[in-house]
Every structure is written in structure tokens, then in C-alpha cells.
N, C-alpha and C. Protein backbone atom coordinates (compact mmCIF):
# COMPACT_ATOMS: atom_id res chain seq x y z
N MET A 1 7.05 18.41 -72.80
CA MET A 1 7.89 19.48 -71.98
C MET A 1 8.93 18.59 -71.47
N LYS A 2 9.98 18.93 -71.57
CA LYS A 2 11.02 18.16 -70.88
C LYS A 2 11.41 18.40 -69.47
N LYS A 3 11.45 17.36 -68.70
CA LYS A 3 11.81 17.28 -67.44
C LYS A 3 13.05 18.09 -67.02
N LEU A 4 12.69 19.17 -65.99
CA LEU A 4 14.03 19.54 -65.43
C LEU A 4 14.76 18.43 -64.74
N GLU A 5 16.10 18.56 -65.00
CA GLU A 5 17.15 17.49 -64.43
C GLU A 5 17.33 18.06 -63.09
N SER A 6 17.29 17.07 -62.03
CA SER A 6 17.67 17.47 -60.50
C SER A 6 18.87 17.59 -60.30
N SER A 7 19.25 18.74 -60.05
CA SER A 7 20.36 19.20 -59.93
C SER A 7 20.56 20.36 -58.86
N LEU A 8 21.57 20.36 -58.12
CA LEU A 8 21.85 21.61 -57.29
C LEU A 8 21.57 22.89 -57.61
N LEU A 9 22.25 23.24 -58.77
CA LEU A 9 21.51 24.55 -59.64
C LEU A 9 20.07 24.52 -59.88
N ASN A 10 19.36 23.49 -60.18
CA ASN A 10 17.98 23.69 -60.75
C ASN A 10 17.01 23.92 -59.32
N MET A 11 17.76 23.21 -58.29
CA MET A 11 16.93 23.19 -56.76
C MET A 11 16.98 24.65 -56.40
N THR A 12 18.20 25.25 -56.55
CA THR A 12 18.43 26.63 -56.36
C THR A 12 17.94 27.77 -56.65
N LEU A 13 17.48 27.40 -57.98
CA LEU A 13 16.63 28.24 -58.82
C LEU A 13 15.34 28.40 -58.35
N VAL A 14 14.89 27.00 -58.11
CA VAL A 14 13.57 26.99 -57.64
C VAL A 14 13.12 27.29 -56.45
N LEU A 15 13.99 27.20 -55.46
CA LEU A 15 13.76 27.81 -54.15
C LEU A 15 13.91 29.20 -54.12
N THR A 16 14.83 29.86 -54.76
CA THR A 16 15.02 31.60 -55.07
C THR A 16 13.59 31.92 -55.52
N SER A 17 13.05 31.11 -56.56
CA SER A 17 12.01 31.79 -57.39
C SER A 17 10.89 31.57 -56.29
N VAL A 18 10.63 30.72 -55.47
CA VAL A 18 9.76 30.42 -54.59
C VAL A 18 9.86 31.69 -53.49
N THR A 19 10.88 31.91 -52.99
CA THR A 19 11.10 32.87 -52.08
C THR A 19 10.72 34.23 -52.35
N VAL A 20 11.14 34.50 -53.82
CA VAL A 20 10.95 35.90 -54.41
C VAL A 20 9.38 35.93 -54.52
N ILE A 21 8.66 35.24 -54.87
CA ILE A 21 7.23 34.96 -55.32
C ILE A 21 6.79 35.32 -53.71
N MET A 22 6.92 34.59 -52.62
CA MET A 22 6.33 34.63 -51.51
C MET A 22 6.66 35.79 -50.76
N GLY A 23 7.86 36.56 -51.05
CA GLY A 23 8.45 37.72 -50.32
C GLY A 23 7.20 38.85 -51.03
N ALA A 24 6.94 38.64 -52.29
CA ALA A 24 6.32 39.45 -53.06
C ALA A 24 4.54 39.70 -52.53
N ILE A 25 4.22 38.44 -52.40
CA ILE A 25 2.78 38.03 -51.81
C ILE A 25 2.73 38.86 -50.29
N LEU A 26 3.73 38.61 -49.27
CA LEU A 26 3.73 39.04 -48.06
C LEU A 26 3.68 40.33 -48.15
N SER A 27 4.76 41.01 -49.01
CA SER A 27 5.03 42.51 -49.27
C SER A 27 3.56 43.17 -49.38
N TYR A 28 2.86 42.52 -50.42
CA TYR A 28 1.65 43.04 -50.78
C TYR A 28 0.53 42.89 -49.65
N ILE A 29 0.30 41.99 -49.04
CA ILE A 29 -0.52 41.73 -47.72
C ILE A 29 -0.23 42.70 -46.75
N ASN A 30 1.11 42.82 -46.55
CA ASN A 30 1.12 43.92 -45.35
C ASN A 30 0.83 45.13 -45.91
N GLY A 31 1.09 45.49 -47.16
CA GLY A 31 0.74 47.10 -47.67
C GLY A 31 -0.73 47.29 -47.71
N LEU A 32 -1.55 45.94 -47.74
CA LEU A 32 -3.01 45.93 -47.67
C LEU A 32 -3.62 46.38 -46.07
N THR A 33 -2.69 45.67 -45.32
CA THR A 33 -3.03 45.67 -43.77
C THR A 33 -2.52 46.69 -42.95
N SER A 34 -1.42 47.19 -43.46
CA SER A 34 -0.70 48.39 -42.55
C SER A 34 -1.61 49.67 -42.28
N GLY A 35 -2.38 49.93 -43.37
CA GLY A 35 -3.24 50.92 -43.11
C GLY A 35 -4.19 50.80 -42.06
N PRO A 36 -4.95 49.80 -42.23
CA PRO A 36 -6.11 49.23 -41.42
C PRO A 36 -5.69 49.32 -40.01
N ILE A 37 -4.59 48.60 -39.69
CA ILE A 37 -4.00 48.41 -38.56
C ILE A 37 -3.51 49.45 -37.84
N SER A 38 -2.91 50.53 -38.59
CA SER A 38 -2.30 51.62 -38.21
C SER A 38 -3.84 52.70 -37.69
N GLU A 39 -4.70 52.57 -38.40
CA GLU A 39 -5.96 53.41 -37.98
C GLU A 39 -6.54 52.74 -36.64
N GLN A 40 -6.45 51.52 -36.77
CA GLN A 40 -7.17 50.90 -35.36
C GLN A 40 -6.24 51.35 -33.96
N LYS A 41 -5.16 51.04 -34.05
CA LYS A 41 -4.13 51.72 -33.21
C LYS A 41 -4.38 53.13 -32.81
N GLU A 42 -4.72 54.10 -33.73
CA GLU A 42 -4.69 55.37 -33.31
C GLU A 42 -6.14 55.52 -32.78
N LYS A 43 -7.23 54.91 -33.22
CA LYS A 43 -8.45 54.86 -32.93
C LYS A 43 -8.45 54.26 -31.23
N ALA A 44 -7.52 53.24 -31.10
CA ALA A 44 -7.60 52.73 -29.81
C ALA A 44 -6.95 53.80 -28.73
N LEU A 45 -5.89 54.32 -29.22
CA LEU A 45 -5.41 55.62 -28.46
C LEU A 45 -6.15 56.59 -28.35
N ALA A 46 -7.05 57.00 -29.09
CA ALA A 46 -7.66 58.13 -28.92
C ALA A 46 -8.85 58.10 -28.16
N ASP A 47 -9.51 56.34 -28.02
CA ASP A 47 -10.59 56.14 -27.33
C ASP A 47 -9.77 56.23 -25.98
N GLY A 48 -8.59 55.66 -25.60
CA GLY A 48 -8.00 55.46 -24.54
C GLY A 48 -7.75 56.60 -23.86
N ILE A 49 -7.38 57.79 -24.47
CA ILE A 49 -7.02 59.16 -23.91
C ILE A 49 -8.60 59.65 -23.47
N LYS A 50 -9.58 59.60 -24.33
CA LYS A 50 -10.88 60.12 -23.74
C LYS A 50 -11.11 59.43 -22.40
N SER A 51 -10.94 57.83 -22.34
CA SER A 51 -11.48 57.17 -21.26
C SER A 51 -10.51 57.55 -19.96
N VAL A 52 -9.42 57.66 -20.14
CA VAL A 52 -8.35 58.10 -18.76
C VAL A 52 -8.78 59.43 -18.46
N MET A 53 -9.05 60.29 -19.23
CA MET A 53 -9.39 61.76 -18.97
C MET A 53 -10.65 62.17 -18.49
N GLY A 54 -11.39 61.03 -18.69
CA GLY A 54 -12.97 60.99 -18.07
C GLY A 54 -13.75 62.11 -18.95
N SER A 55 -13.40 62.55 -20.26
CA SER A 55 -14.05 63.21 -21.05
C SER A 55 -14.14 62.97 -22.84
N ASP A 56 -15.12 63.30 -23.26
CA ASP A 56 -15.22 63.03 -24.72
C ASP A 56 -14.81 64.48 -25.39
N ASP A 57 -14.86 65.38 -24.86
CA ASP A 57 -14.46 66.81 -25.09
C ASP A 57 -12.82 66.79 -25.01
N ILE A 58 -12.37 66.26 -25.88
CA ILE A 58 -10.83 66.26 -25.85
C ILE A 58 -10.36 66.60 -27.10
N VAL A 59 -9.02 67.36 -26.84
CA VAL A 59 -8.22 67.66 -27.90
C VAL A 59 -6.83 67.42 -27.65
N VAL A 60 -6.36 66.82 -28.32
CA VAL A 60 -4.61 66.80 -27.90
C VAL A 60 -3.81 67.90 -28.52
N ALA A 61 -3.39 68.74 -27.61
CA ALA A 61 -2.79 70.12 -28.02
C ALA A 61 -1.33 69.54 -28.45
N ARG A 62 -0.78 68.79 -27.64
CA ARG A 62 0.72 68.59 -27.86
C ARG A 62 0.99 67.48 -27.44
N ILE A 63 2.13 66.94 -28.07
CA ILE A 63 2.68 65.43 -27.71
C ILE A 63 4.12 65.62 -27.50
N ASP A 64 4.43 65.34 -25.98
CA ASP A 64 5.70 65.45 -25.63
C ASP A 64 6.52 64.12 -25.26
N THR A 65 7.80 64.12 -25.33
CA THR A 65 8.50 62.97 -25.14
C THR A 65 9.50 63.28 -23.87
N VAL A 66 9.14 62.76 -22.70
CA VAL A 66 10.40 62.78 -21.50
C VAL A 66 11.20 61.70 -21.38
N LYS A 67 12.35 61.75 -21.32
CA LYS A 67 13.04 60.49 -20.87
C LYS A 67 13.81 60.44 -19.41
N GLN A 68 13.52 59.71 -19.05
CA GLN A 68 14.18 59.70 -17.36
C GLN A 68 14.89 58.33 -17.07
N ASN A 69 15.76 58.32 -16.30
CA ASN A 69 16.61 57.28 -15.94
C ASN A 69 15.80 56.55 -14.60
N ASP A 70 15.49 55.14 -14.50
CA ASP A 70 14.87 54.57 -13.49
C ASP A 70 15.97 54.39 -12.45
N ALA A 71 15.68 53.88 -11.42
CA ALA A 71 16.73 53.56 -10.00
C ALA A 71 17.84 52.62 -10.47
N LYS A 72 17.62 51.72 -11.77
CA LYS A 72 18.91 51.09 -12.16
C LYS A 72 19.73 51.86 -13.04
N GLY A 73 19.27 53.01 -13.41
CA GLY A 73 19.96 53.92 -14.34
C GLY A 73 19.91 53.68 -15.66
N LYS A 74 18.67 52.99 -15.96
CA LYS A 74 18.28 52.45 -17.41
C LYS A 74 17.33 53.83 -17.81
N GLU A 75 17.43 54.38 -19.09
CA GLU A 75 16.88 55.27 -19.63
C GLU A 75 15.29 54.92 -20.10
N LEU A 76 14.44 55.51 -19.56
CA LEU A 76 13.00 55.19 -20.12
C LEU A 76 12.42 56.54 -20.65
N SER A 77 11.69 56.18 -21.72
CA SER A 77 10.75 56.95 -22.45
C SER A 77 9.26 56.97 -22.08
N TYR A 78 8.54 58.51 -21.87
CA TYR A 78 7.31 58.44 -21.50
C TYR A 78 6.59 59.44 -22.71
N ILE A 79 5.57 59.05 -23.21
CA ILE A 79 4.92 59.88 -24.10
C ILE A 79 3.63 60.72 -23.49
N ILE A 80 3.82 61.94 -23.37
CA ILE A 80 2.51 62.68 -22.55
C ILE A 80 1.57 63.31 -23.84
N TYR A 81 0.45 63.11 -23.62
CA TYR A 81 -0.44 63.59 -24.52
C TYR A 81 -1.38 64.76 -23.83
N GLN A 82 -0.84 66.14 -23.96
CA GLN A 82 -1.30 67.18 -23.34
C GLN A 82 -2.45 67.60 -23.70
N THR A 83 -3.54 67.78 -23.16
CA THR A 83 -5.05 67.66 -23.53
C THR A 83 -5.58 69.06 -23.00
N GLU A 84 -6.70 69.28 -24.30
CA GLU A 84 -7.62 70.63 -23.60
C GLU A 84 -9.00 70.15 -24.24
N ASN A 85 -9.93 71.02 -23.63
CA ASN A 85 -11.10 70.88 -24.01
C ASN A 85 -11.33 71.66 -25.67
N THR A 86 -12.49 71.66 -26.29
CA THR A 86 -12.61 72.22 -27.37
C THR A 86 -12.57 73.82 -27.10
N GLN A 87 -12.62 74.12 -25.84
CA GLN A 87 -12.81 75.62 -25.65
C GLN A 87 -11.24 76.16 -25.43
N GLY A 88 -10.11 75.21 -25.70
CA GLY A 88 -8.75 75.33 -25.52
C GLY A 88 -8.35 75.68 -23.88
N GLU A 89 -9.15 75.02 -22.95
CA GLU A 89 -8.90 75.25 -21.49
C GLU A 89 -8.07 73.61 -21.13
N ASP A 90 -6.95 74.10 -20.57
CA ASP A 90 -6.16 72.83 -19.90
C ASP A 90 -6.96 71.74 -19.12
N LEU A 91 -6.79 70.43 -19.86
CA LEU A 91 -7.37 69.64 -18.94
C LEU A 91 -6.29 68.39 -18.17
N GLY A 92 -5.26 68.81 -18.44
CA GLY A 92 -4.13 67.73 -18.13
C GLY A 92 -3.28 67.12 -19.04
N ALA A 93 -3.37 65.84 -18.35
CA ALA A 93 -2.24 65.11 -19.78
C ALA A 93 -2.59 63.61 -19.67
N ALA A 94 -2.70 62.71 -20.56
CA ALA A 94 -2.40 61.35 -20.46
C ALA A 94 -1.18 60.73 -20.94
N VAL A 95 -0.66 60.05 -19.92
CA VAL A 95 0.78 59.60 -20.12
C VAL A 95 0.81 58.10 -20.42
N GLU A 96 1.81 57.81 -21.49
CA GLU A 96 1.97 56.32 -21.56
C GLU A 96 3.33 56.13 -20.68
N SER A 97 3.38 55.13 -19.87
CA SER A 97 4.39 54.44 -18.98
C SER A 97 4.47 53.04 -18.86
N THR A 98 5.76 52.60 -19.35
CA THR A 98 6.02 51.13 -19.38
C THR A 98 6.94 50.56 -18.20
N THR A 99 6.74 49.71 -17.67
CA THR A 99 7.67 49.01 -16.43
C THR A 99 7.59 47.32 -16.83
N GLY A 100 8.51 46.93 -16.08
CA GLY A 100 8.30 45.51 -16.01
C GLY A 100 7.53 44.85 -15.16
N GLY A 101 6.75 44.00 -15.68
CA GLY A 101 6.02 43.12 -14.56
C GLY A 101 6.63 41.81 -14.39
N PHE A 102 5.74 40.98 -14.12
CA PHE A 102 6.00 39.57 -13.74
C PHE A 102 6.36 38.82 -14.94
N GLY A 103 5.36 38.76 -15.71
CA GLY A 103 5.68 37.99 -17.03
C GLY A 103 6.42 38.96 -18.35
N GLY A 104 6.57 40.35 -18.01
CA GLY A 104 7.29 41.03 -19.12
C GLY A 104 6.70 42.26 -19.14
N ASP A 105 6.85 43.15 -19.97
CA ASP A 105 6.26 44.42 -19.90
C ASP A 105 5.07 44.55 -19.69
N LEU A 106 4.80 45.85 -19.11
CA LEU A 106 3.47 46.32 -18.46
C LEU A 106 3.20 47.65 -19.14
N LYS A 107 2.52 48.12 -19.95
CA LYS A 107 2.31 49.48 -20.59
C LYS A 107 0.91 49.93 -20.05
N VAL A 108 1.09 51.36 -19.40
CA VAL A 108 -0.08 51.83 -18.89
C VAL A 108 -0.25 53.32 -19.16
N LEU A 109 -1.43 53.48 -19.69
CA LEU A 109 -1.84 55.00 -20.08
C LEU A 109 -2.37 55.27 -18.93
N VAL A 110 -2.22 56.48 -18.47
CA VAL A 110 -2.80 57.27 -17.31
C VAL A 110 -3.02 58.49 -17.33
N GLY A 111 -4.19 59.02 -16.95
CA GLY A 111 -4.61 60.46 -16.84
C GLY A 111 -4.54 61.10 -15.82
N PHE A 112 -4.11 62.47 -15.88
CA PHE A 112 -3.66 63.35 -14.82
C PHE A 112 -4.43 64.58 -15.01
N ASP A 113 -5.17 65.12 -14.09
CA ASP A 113 -5.75 66.60 -14.23
C ASP A 113 -4.54 67.62 -14.36
N LYS A 114 -4.88 68.88 -14.20
CA LYS A 114 -3.68 69.76 -14.26
C LYS A 114 -2.78 69.74 -12.93
N THR A 115 -3.34 69.39 -12.04
CA THR A 115 -2.76 69.43 -10.68
C THR A 115 -1.85 68.20 -10.49
N GLY A 116 -2.15 67.15 -11.37
CA GLY A 116 -1.57 65.86 -10.81
C GLY A 116 -2.65 64.76 -10.22
N ILE A 117 -3.73 64.89 -10.16
CA ILE A 117 -4.55 64.12 -9.54
C ILE A 117 -4.93 62.97 -10.55
N ILE A 118 -5.06 61.65 -10.40
CA ILE A 118 -5.44 60.69 -11.09
C ILE A 118 -6.53 60.66 -11.62
N LEU A 119 -7.04 60.70 -12.99
CA LEU A 119 -8.49 61.18 -13.41
C LEU A 119 -8.68 59.43 -13.94
N GLY A 120 -7.81 58.71 -14.31
CA GLY A 120 -8.29 57.17 -14.63
C GLY A 120 -7.14 56.61 -15.52
N TYR A 121 -7.18 55.40 -15.78
CA TYR A 121 -6.15 54.43 -16.37
C TYR A 121 -6.49 53.39 -17.17
N THR A 122 -5.69 52.91 -18.23
CA THR A 122 -5.95 51.71 -18.68
C THR A 122 -4.57 51.14 -19.16
N LEU A 123 -4.89 49.82 -19.32
CA LEU A 123 -3.60 48.96 -19.64
C LEU A 123 -3.43 48.76 -21.02
N LEU A 124 -2.42 49.22 -21.56
CA LEU A 124 -2.02 49.25 -23.21
C LEU A 124 -1.90 47.85 -23.76
N GLU A 125 -0.91 47.43 -22.80
CA GLU A 125 -0.01 45.92 -23.14
C GLU A 125 0.45 45.56 -21.87
N HIS A 126 0.37 44.11 -21.90
CA HIS A 126 0.59 43.27 -20.78
C HIS A 126 0.81 41.89 -20.89
N THR A 127 1.79 41.24 -20.26
CA THR A 127 2.02 39.88 -20.55
C THR A 127 1.87 38.90 -19.18
N GLU A 128 1.04 39.69 -18.26
CA GLU A 128 0.78 39.00 -17.18
C GLU A 128 -0.01 37.73 -16.99
N THR A 129 0.02 36.96 -16.00
CA THR A 129 -0.79 35.70 -16.12
C THR A 129 -2.28 36.06 -16.15
N PRO A 130 -2.91 35.74 -17.05
CA PRO A 130 -4.29 35.80 -17.04
C PRO A 130 -5.23 35.24 -15.80
N GLY A 131 -6.26 36.45 -15.32
CA GLY A 131 -6.81 35.82 -13.93
C GLY A 131 -5.97 36.27 -12.94
N LEU A 132 -4.58 36.82 -12.61
CA LEU A 132 -3.98 37.03 -11.72
C LEU A 132 -3.71 38.52 -11.96
N GLY A 133 -2.24 38.76 -12.63
CA GLY A 133 -1.70 39.79 -12.75
C GLY A 133 -2.66 40.71 -13.94
N ALA A 134 -3.32 39.86 -14.69
CA ALA A 134 -4.09 40.47 -15.55
C ALA A 134 -5.12 41.37 -14.99
N LYS A 135 -5.48 41.13 -14.05
CA LYS A 135 -6.65 41.90 -12.97
C LYS A 135 -6.34 43.29 -13.01
N ALA A 136 -4.88 43.80 -13.26
CA ALA A 136 -4.50 45.11 -12.91
C ALA A 136 -5.36 45.83 -13.74
N ASP A 137 -6.22 45.45 -15.09
CA ASP A 137 -6.99 46.14 -15.81
C ASP A 137 -7.97 46.82 -14.83
N LYS A 138 -8.37 45.99 -13.88
CA LYS A 138 -9.89 46.46 -13.23
C LYS A 138 -9.40 46.72 -11.95
N TRP A 139 -8.34 46.14 -11.12
CA TRP A 139 -8.39 45.99 -9.79
C TRP A 139 -8.14 47.57 -9.27
N PHE A 140 -7.37 48.32 -9.91
CA PHE A 140 -7.30 49.59 -9.37
C PHE A 140 -8.25 50.72 -9.79
N GLN A 141 -9.15 50.45 -10.61
CA GLN A 141 -10.29 51.36 -11.02
C GLN A 141 -11.00 51.82 -9.86
N LYS A 142 -11.96 52.80 -10.18
CA LYS A 142 -12.94 53.58 -9.11
C LYS A 142 -13.75 52.62 -8.46
N GLY A 143 -13.64 52.55 -7.15
CA GLY A 143 -14.61 51.64 -6.34
C GLY A 143 -14.13 50.12 -6.09
N GLU A 144 -12.90 49.69 -6.89
CA GLU A 144 -12.26 48.40 -6.50
C GLU A 144 -11.50 48.42 -5.51
N LYS A 145 -10.69 47.06 -4.92
CA LYS A 145 -10.23 47.15 -3.76
C LYS A 145 -9.00 47.97 -3.76
N GLY A 146 -8.08 48.04 -4.87
CA GLY A 146 -7.08 48.74 -5.02
C GLY A 146 -7.24 50.20 -5.51
N ASP A 147 -8.48 50.69 -5.55
CA ASP A 147 -8.64 52.16 -6.13
C ASP A 147 -7.69 53.01 -5.89
N ILE A 148 -7.10 53.73 -7.24
CA ILE A 148 -6.22 54.70 -7.16
C ILE A 148 -6.63 56.03 -7.71
N ILE A 149 -7.65 55.93 -8.02
CA ILE A 149 -8.34 57.29 -8.96
C ILE A 149 -8.77 58.11 -7.74
N GLY A 150 -8.23 59.32 -8.08
CA GLY A 150 -8.25 60.40 -7.39
C GLY A 150 -6.95 60.54 -6.45
N LYS A 151 -6.34 59.62 -6.37
CA LYS A 151 -5.14 59.93 -5.66
C LYS A 151 -4.30 60.78 -6.08
N ASP A 152 -3.07 61.42 -5.53
CA ASP A 152 -2.11 62.45 -6.10
C ASP A 152 -0.70 61.55 -5.67
N PRO A 153 -0.07 61.14 -6.79
CA PRO A 153 1.18 60.50 -6.65
C PRO A 153 2.26 61.27 -6.31
N GLN A 154 1.93 62.77 -5.94
CA GLN A 154 3.31 63.30 -5.36
C GLN A 154 4.10 62.58 -4.27
N GLU A 155 3.34 61.74 -3.33
CA GLU A 155 3.84 60.84 -2.54
C GLU A 155 3.67 59.62 -3.22
N PRO A 156 4.94 58.86 -3.62
CA PRO A 156 4.78 57.80 -4.69
C PRO A 156 3.81 56.83 -3.91
N LEU A 157 2.88 56.15 -4.70
CA LEU A 157 1.84 55.09 -4.41
C LEU A 157 2.74 53.65 -4.29
N THR A 158 2.37 53.09 -3.16
CA THR A 158 2.96 51.77 -2.68
C THR A 158 1.91 50.92 -2.61
N VAL A 159 2.15 49.50 -2.33
CA VAL A 159 1.21 48.60 -1.92
C VAL A 159 1.29 48.71 -0.45
N SER A 160 0.00 48.32 0.37
CA SER A 160 0.28 48.06 1.59
C SER A 160 1.14 47.29 2.35
N LYS A 161 1.51 46.30 1.45
CA LYS A 161 2.68 45.11 1.96
C LYS A 161 3.91 45.95 2.22
N ASP A 162 4.15 47.00 1.56
CA ASP A 162 5.35 47.73 1.53
C ASP A 162 5.24 49.03 2.40
N GLY A 163 3.99 49.20 2.97
CA GLY A 163 3.78 50.37 4.02
C GLY A 163 2.94 51.28 3.45
N GLY A 164 2.35 51.08 2.21
CA GLY A 164 1.61 51.85 1.46
C GLY A 164 -0.12 51.63 1.85
N GLN A 165 -0.82 52.37 0.96
CA GLN A 165 -2.27 52.56 1.29
C GLN A 165 -2.99 51.91 -0.12
N VAL A 166 -2.39 51.22 -0.83
CA VAL A 166 -3.05 50.36 -1.83
C VAL A 166 -2.87 49.03 -1.85
N ASP A 167 -4.09 48.64 -1.81
CA ASP A 167 -4.14 47.09 -1.91
C ASP A 167 -3.56 46.41 -2.99
N ALA A 168 -2.74 45.42 -2.78
CA ALA A 168 -2.19 44.63 -3.67
C ALA A 168 -3.21 43.68 -4.57
N ILE A 169 -2.99 43.30 -5.63
CA ILE A 169 -3.86 42.22 -6.09
C ILE A 169 -3.51 40.90 -5.60
N THR A 170 -4.60 40.03 -5.13
CA THR A 170 -4.45 39.03 -4.53
C THR A 170 -3.38 38.15 -5.60
N ALA A 171 -2.28 37.51 -4.50
CA ALA A 171 -1.40 36.76 -5.18
C ALA A 171 -0.67 37.21 -6.07
N SER A 172 -0.65 38.50 -6.49
CA SER A 172 0.08 39.18 -7.46
C SER A 172 0.69 40.44 -7.17
N THR A 173 1.48 40.55 -5.95
CA THR A 173 2.36 41.68 -5.55
C THR A 173 3.22 42.13 -6.64
N ILE A 174 3.88 41.49 -7.07
CA ILE A 174 4.88 41.84 -8.10
C ILE A 174 4.20 42.73 -9.18
N THR A 175 3.09 42.36 -9.70
CA THR A 175 2.69 43.01 -10.47
C THR A 175 2.05 44.10 -10.00
N SER A 176 1.39 44.20 -8.71
CA SER A 176 1.02 45.55 -8.58
C SER A 176 1.93 46.35 -8.27
N ARG A 177 3.02 45.99 -7.67
CA ARG A 177 4.19 47.08 -7.68
C ARG A 177 4.99 47.57 -8.88
N ALA A 178 4.66 46.71 -10.21
CA ALA A 178 5.13 47.28 -11.42
C ALA A 178 4.04 48.27 -11.85
N PHE A 179 2.76 48.02 -11.49
CA PHE A 179 1.59 48.68 -11.81
C PHE A 179 1.74 50.23 -11.31
N LEU A 180 2.04 49.94 -9.93
CA LEU A 180 2.42 51.34 -9.14
C LEU A 180 3.19 52.26 -9.48
N LEU A 181 4.38 51.36 -9.79
CA LEU A 181 5.77 52.19 -10.33
C LEU A 181 5.43 52.72 -11.56
N ALA A 182 4.84 51.99 -12.54
CA ALA A 182 4.17 52.89 -13.85
C ALA A 182 3.49 54.22 -13.61
N ILE A 183 2.60 54.14 -12.65
CA ILE A 183 1.67 55.21 -12.40
C ILE A 183 2.63 56.18 -11.78
N ASN A 184 3.51 55.76 -10.83
CA ASN A 184 4.52 57.15 -10.17
C ASN A 184 5.64 57.76 -11.16
N ASN A 185 5.81 56.68 -12.15
CA ASN A 185 6.90 57.15 -13.12
C ASN A 185 6.27 58.22 -14.10
N ALA A 186 4.92 57.78 -14.43
CA ALA A 186 4.09 58.66 -15.21
C ALA A 186 4.05 60.03 -14.85
N TYR A 187 3.55 59.97 -13.51
CA TYR A 187 3.33 61.21 -12.84
C TYR A 187 4.65 62.04 -12.82
N SER A 188 5.92 61.60 -12.50
CA SER A 188 7.27 62.28 -12.41
C SER A 188 7.42 62.84 -13.83
N ALA A 189 6.95 61.84 -14.87
CA ALA A 189 7.35 62.45 -16.10
C ALA A 189 6.25 63.70 -16.65
N TYR A 190 5.26 63.34 -16.33
CA TYR A 190 4.07 64.54 -16.31
C TYR A 190 4.60 65.98 -15.98
N LYS A 191 5.11 65.90 -14.71
CA LYS A 191 5.62 67.19 -13.87
C LYS A 191 6.79 67.55 -14.46
N ALA A 192 7.66 66.82 -14.92
CA ALA A 192 9.03 67.09 -15.66
C ALA A 192 8.86 67.66 -17.10
N THR A 193 7.65 67.76 -17.46
CA THR A 193 7.32 68.20 -18.85
C THR A 193 7.37 69.59 -18.99
N PRO A 194 8.58 70.35 -19.64
CA PRO A 194 8.64 71.71 -19.94
C PRO A 194 7.05 72.44 -20.14
N ILE A 195 7.03 73.51 -19.67
CA ILE A 195 5.53 74.43 -19.83
C ILE A 195 5.45 74.60 -21.23
N ASP A 196 6.55 75.04 -21.62
CA ASP A 196 6.75 75.75 -23.05
C ASP A 196 7.36 74.39 -24.21
N ALA A 197 7.11 73.23 -23.86
CA ALA A 197 7.71 72.34 -24.49
C ALA A 197 7.13 72.39 -25.94
N GLN A 198 7.86 72.22 -26.99
CA GLN A 198 7.34 71.99 -28.26
C GLN A 198 8.02 70.81 -28.98
N THR A 199 7.23 69.77 -29.25
CA THR A 199 8.06 68.42 -29.91
C THR A 199 7.85 68.47 -31.38
N GLY A 200 7.45 69.44 -32.04
CA GLY A 200 6.79 69.29 -33.45
C GLY A 200 5.36 68.56 -33.67
N ALA A 201 4.88 68.28 -32.32
CA ALA A 201 3.57 67.45 -32.62
C ALA A 201 2.43 68.35 -33.39
N THR A 202 1.71 68.03 -33.76
CA THR A 202 0.39 68.98 -34.30
C THR A 202 -0.64 68.66 -33.45
N LYS A 203 -1.40 69.76 -33.56
CA LYS A 203 -2.65 69.82 -32.65
C LYS A 203 -3.75 68.69 -33.40
N GLN A 204 -4.14 67.66 -32.41
CA GLN A 204 -4.97 66.48 -32.96
C GLN A 204 -6.41 66.72 -32.42
N ASN A 205 -7.36 66.51 -33.21
CA ASN A 205 -8.45 66.35 -32.68
C ASN A 205 -9.15 65.04 -32.52
N LYS A 206 -9.36 64.53 -31.29
CA LYS A 206 -9.57 63.43 -30.82
C LYS A 206 -11.08 63.11 -30.62
N ASN A 207 -11.99 64.05 -31.14
CA ASN A 207 -13.57 63.82 -30.99
C ASN A 207 -13.88 62.83 -32.11
């Protein structure tokens, strides 16, 4: 077999062929993994909703999106999962809320009963410092130092350093402020949700 001459054209053809083949392989792998990854995310969200609402008897009756401007005028979006039990009784809602923490975005899923009392929360995403800001996942839970469960954010929650009643995470005041802002914003978005809002979302059984 005659050896290909080393030339710009030959090298270009080889590199193009390799790129096309690798692209096809990556596309195939992505097709194989996208389904399971999507299913895992859906399951994680369903489990998160059950956790923050404090019940396994949960049906997501409607999904709403509320847009509000923050103090700096930036438009933020909040996803509200309106929930019912299997008997059709209103249980409140789980709300996704994102704010900027010390290391980057901090996304919280927080559950409210139908009057607005905090039932629970979980961190969906964060880039805070491990061992410090990352403690927000536990610090504000029931029975912990910064316990916010059972509180009503009608009066915005703030850290004690700012005159509030919530103990900030040790050495992580910025993260604590960001976390409480996410909670306060989630409450505001929940209360701003039109009672008869219909966003095209289908009723989903999360059992």
C-alpha cells in the first residue's frame, strides 16, 4: 500500500476525518446517557419535593414560573411546584430559588405550607467552600443552630449580625445572607403566584 504523502491537504483530510468520527462517537454516547441523566434529575427533584414538603403523599398539581426583579433590578425566575395530597387537598408549594453566594450561585428548594410557613429545604446546587459555606445544607435545618423550619418569612429572615433572629454559619456570613435571601425571595414568589395561574404544566404524580 502506497504511503500517503505528507502534505497540508492530507493532514487536513486526516484531522477532519478524526473530528467527524469523534463527533459521531460523542453524539452517540450523549444519546445513551442523556435519558438516564434526565431520569436521575427528575427523581432527585421528586425526592426533594417530598423532603421539603415533609410528606410522601404528594402530587405536583401545577408548575408555575414567577419572574421578579431583585434589589439591583436583575430579573430572576422562580419555579413553584404547587402540591396536593392524593385526596386533592392543597399542601402548599415547593419553590426553586437561586441567589449568588460567596463562591457562586446557590440554588435552594424550599417548601411552604399553604399559609407560607417554612416546612423544609434542601440545597439543589452550590459552589460554596466545603466545610464552611457548604454547611448551609444542614445549618438551618430543624434543631440546628440556624433553624428556620416553622418560621414565617412574611417578615424577611435575616442573620443576627444584621439585627435578625437567625444565627449565621460560623465564618460564613456572606453565604448565610445569600441563603436567607433565597428563602425570602422564594416566599415572595410563592405569594405572588396567581391563584388561578395555569402554565401548561400537567399534573404529575410524584409518589
